[in-house]
């Protein structure tokens, strides 16, 4: 299913009649502004990473292994560590 030039021109004419040139110009300006803002924020993010700011959870760092008590399964140790972390958070607030 291909579109020839005449069908595309007819679709364009219908869109112009429905929305009007002013509305389409506003939509184009808004879309351009959004793209420009996105590009600027991407550049700022790249500059911050290049500046050597510490990032949490770097991809090249391995997480610390979970420790478990003797005679306790690793899954149970993880659950007990999670509950103790929650208790510390509650007591801190």
C-alpha atoms as a PDB file:
ATOM      1  CA  UNK A   1       0.000   0.000   0.000  1.00  0.00           C
ATOM      2  CA  UNK A   2       1.788   3.073  -1.218  1.00  0.00           C
ATOM      3  CA  UNK A   3       0.869   6.720  -1.015  1.00  0.00           C
ATOM      4  CA  UNK A   4       1.403   8.825  -4.099  1.00  0.00           C
ATOM      5  CA  UNK A   5       1.951  12.576  -4.058  1.00  0.00           C
ATOM      6  CA  UNK A   6      -1.686  13.396  -4.854  1.00  0.00           C
ATOM      7  CA  UNK A   7      -3.087  11.441  -1.921  1.00  0.00           C
ATOM      8  CA  UNK A   8      -0.596  13.110   0.439  1.00  0.00           C
ATOM      9  CA  UNK A   9      -1.567  16.565  -0.883  1.00  0.00           C
ATOM     10  CA  UNK A  10      -5.260  15.802  -0.364  1.00  0.00           C
ATOM     11  CA  UNK A  11      -4.571  14.661   3.228  1.00  0.00           C
ATOM     12  CA  UNK A  12      -2.558  17.847   3.838  1.00  0.00           C
ATOM     13  CA  UNK A  13      -5.388  20.013   2.467  1.00  0.00           C
ATOM     14  CA  UNK A  14      -7.935  18.290   4.726  1.00  0.00           C
ATOM     15  CA  UNK A  15      -5.714  18.768   7.786  1.00  0.00           C
ATOM     16  CA  UNK A  16      -5.283  22.456   6.915  1.00  0.00           C
ATOM     17  CA  UNK A  17      -9.041  22.877   6.579  1.00  0.00           C
ATOM     18  CA  UNK A  18      -9.750  21.122   9.872  1.00  0.00           C
ATOM     19  CA  UNK A  19      -7.144  22.793  12.068  1.00  0.00           C
ATOM     20  CA  UNK A  20      -6.222  25.986  10.258  1.00  0.00           C
ATOM     21  CA  UNK A  21      -2.739  27.343   9.668  1.00  0.00           C
ATOM     22  CA  UNK A  22      -2.533  29.246  12.968  1.00  0.00           C
ATOM     23  CA  UNK A  23      -3.289  26.155  15.064  1.00  0.00           C
ATOM     24  CA  UNK A  24      -0.779  24.061  13.096  1.00  0.00           C
ATOM     25  CA  UNK A  25       1.862  26.786  13.518  1.00  0.00           C
ATOM     26  CA  UNK A  26       1.276  26.800  17.295  1.00  0.00           C
ATOM     27  CA  UNK A  27       1.501  23.009  17.480  1.00  0.00           C
ATOM     28  CA  UNK A  28       4.757  23.075  15.480  1.00  0.00           C
ATOM     29  CA  UNK A  29       6.227  25.757  17.745  1.00  0.00           C
ATOM     30  CA  UNK A  30       5.270  23.849  20.879  1.00  0.00           C
ATOM     31  CA  UNK A  31       6.747  20.636  19.507  1.00  0.00           C
ATOM     32  CA  UNK A  32       9.974  22.427  18.514  1.00  0.00           C
ATOM     33  CA  UNK A  33      10.261  23.990  21.973  1.00  0.00           C
ATOM     34  CA  UNK A  34       9.783  20.625  23.641  1.00  0.00           C
ATOM     35  CA  UNK A  35      12.467  19.016  21.489  1.00  0.00           C
ATOM     36  CA  UNK A  36      14.839  21.930  22.155  1.00  0.00           C
ATOM     37  CA  UNK A  37      14.291  21.639  25.921  1.00  0.00           C
ATOM     38  CA  UNK A  38      14.885  17.892  25.784  1.00  0.00           C
ATOM     39  CA  UNK A  39      18.172  18.351  23.911  1.00  0.00           C
ATOM     40  CA  UNK A  40      19.353  21.008  26.402  1.00  0.00           C
ATOM     41  CA  UNK A  41      18.598  18.783  29.378  1.00  0.00           C
ATOM     42  CA  UNK A  42      20.436  15.878  27.717  1.00  0.00           C
ATOM     43  CA  UNK A  43      23.484  18.120  27.210  1.00  0.00           C
ATOM     44  CA  UNK A  44      23.364  19.243  30.851  1.00  0.00           C
ATOM     45  CA  UNK A  45      23.185  15.621  32.005  1.00  0.00           C
ATOM     46  CA  UNK A  46      26.207  14.700  29.902  1.00  0.00           C
ATOM     47  CA  UNK A  47      28.155  17.666  31.288  1.00  0.00           C
ATOM     48  CA  UNK A  48      27.341  16.658  34.866  1.00  0.00           C
ATOM     49  CA  UNK A  49      28.486  13.095  34.245  1.00  0.00           C
ATOM     50  CA  UNK A  50      31.693  14.378  32.656  1.00  0.00           C
ATOM     51  CA  UNK A  51      32.346  16.650  35.644  1.00  0.00           C
ATOM     52  CA  UNK A  52      32.954  13.610  37.830  1.00  0.00           C
ATOM     53  CA  UNK A  53      29.958  13.992  40.101  1.00  0.00           C
ATOM     54  CA  UNK A  54      29.370  10.801  42.042  1.00  0.00           C
ATOM     55  CA  UNK A  55      26.405   8.813  40.842  1.00  0.00           C
ATOM     56  CA  UNK A  56      24.492   6.347  42.920  1.00  0.00           C
ATOM     57  CA  UNK A  57      24.499   2.788  41.647  1.00  0.00           C
ATOM     58  CA  UNK A  58      27.208   3.005  39.046  1.00  0.00           C
ATOM     59  CA  UNK A  59      27.002   0.245  36.498  1.00  0.00           C
ATOM     60  CA  UNK A  60      30.652  -0.732  36.798  1.00  0.00           C
ATOM     61  CA  UNK A  61      30.450  -1.308  40.557  1.00  0.00           C
ATOM     62  CA  UNK A  62      29.302  -4.645  41.896  1.00  0.00           C
ATOM     63  CA  UNK A  63      26.842  -4.632  44.780  1.00  0.00           C
ATOM     64  CA  UNK A  64      28.095  -5.778  48.157  1.00  0.00           C
ATOM     65  CA  UNK A  65      27.266  -9.427  48.861  1.00  0.00           C
ATOM     66  CA  UNK A  66      24.622 -10.138  51.481  1.00  0.00           C
ATOM     67  CA  UNK A  67      25.897 -11.818  54.607  1.00  0.00           C
ATOM     68  CA  UNK A  68      23.915 -14.574  56.269  1.00  0.00           C
ATOM     69  CA  UNK A  69      24.257 -16.249  59.602  1.00  0.00           C
ATOM     70  CA  UNK A  70      25.525 -19.760  59.937  1.00  0.00           C
ATOM     71  CA  UNK A  71      22.792 -22.356  59.543  1.00  0.00           C
ATOM     72  CA  UNK A  72      20.424 -19.838  57.930  1.00  0.00           C
ATOM     73  CA  UNK A  73      19.473 -19.947  54.267  1.00  0.00           C
ATOM     74  CA  UNK A  74      20.522 -16.947  52.139  1.00  0.00           C
ATOM     75  CA  UNK A  75      16.907 -16.057  51.281  1.00  0.00           C
ATOM     76  CA  UNK A  76      15.966 -15.949  54.965  1.00  0.00           C
ATOM     77  CA  UNK A  77      19.033 -13.820  55.706  1.00  0.00           C
ATOM     78  CA  UNK A  78      18.010 -11.339  53.023  1.00  0.00           C
ATOM     79  CA  UNK A  79      14.515 -11.139  54.482  1.00  0.00           C
ATOM     80  CA  UNK A  80      15.861 -10.533  57.989  1.00  0.00           C
ATOM     81  CA  UNK A  81      18.251  -7.843  56.710  1.00  0.00           C
ATOM     82  CA  UNK A  82      15.387  -6.142  54.883  1.00  0.00           C
ATOM     83  CA  UNK A  83      13.220  -6.123  57.986  1.00  0.00           C
ATOM     84  CA  UNK A  84      16.055  -4.754  60.133  1.00  0.00           C
ATOM     85  CA  UNK A  85      16.654  -2.016  57.552  1.00  0.00           C
ATOM     86  CA  UNK A  86      12.967  -1.098  57.686  1.00  0.00           C
ATOM     87  CA  UNK A  87      13.124  -0.931  61.497  1.00  0.00           C
ATOM     88  CA  UNK A  88      16.137   1.407  61.285  1.00  0.00           C
ATOM     89  CA  UNK A  89      14.302   3.626  58.832  1.00  0.00           C
ATOM     90  CA  UNK A  90      11.269   3.803  61.099  1.00  0.00           C
ATOM     91  CA  UNK A  91      13.358   4.629  64.165  1.00  0.00           C
ATOM     92  CA  UNK A  92      15.288   7.308  62.246  1.00  0.00           C
ATOM     93  CA  UNK A  93      12.111   9.175  61.286  1.00  0.00           C
END
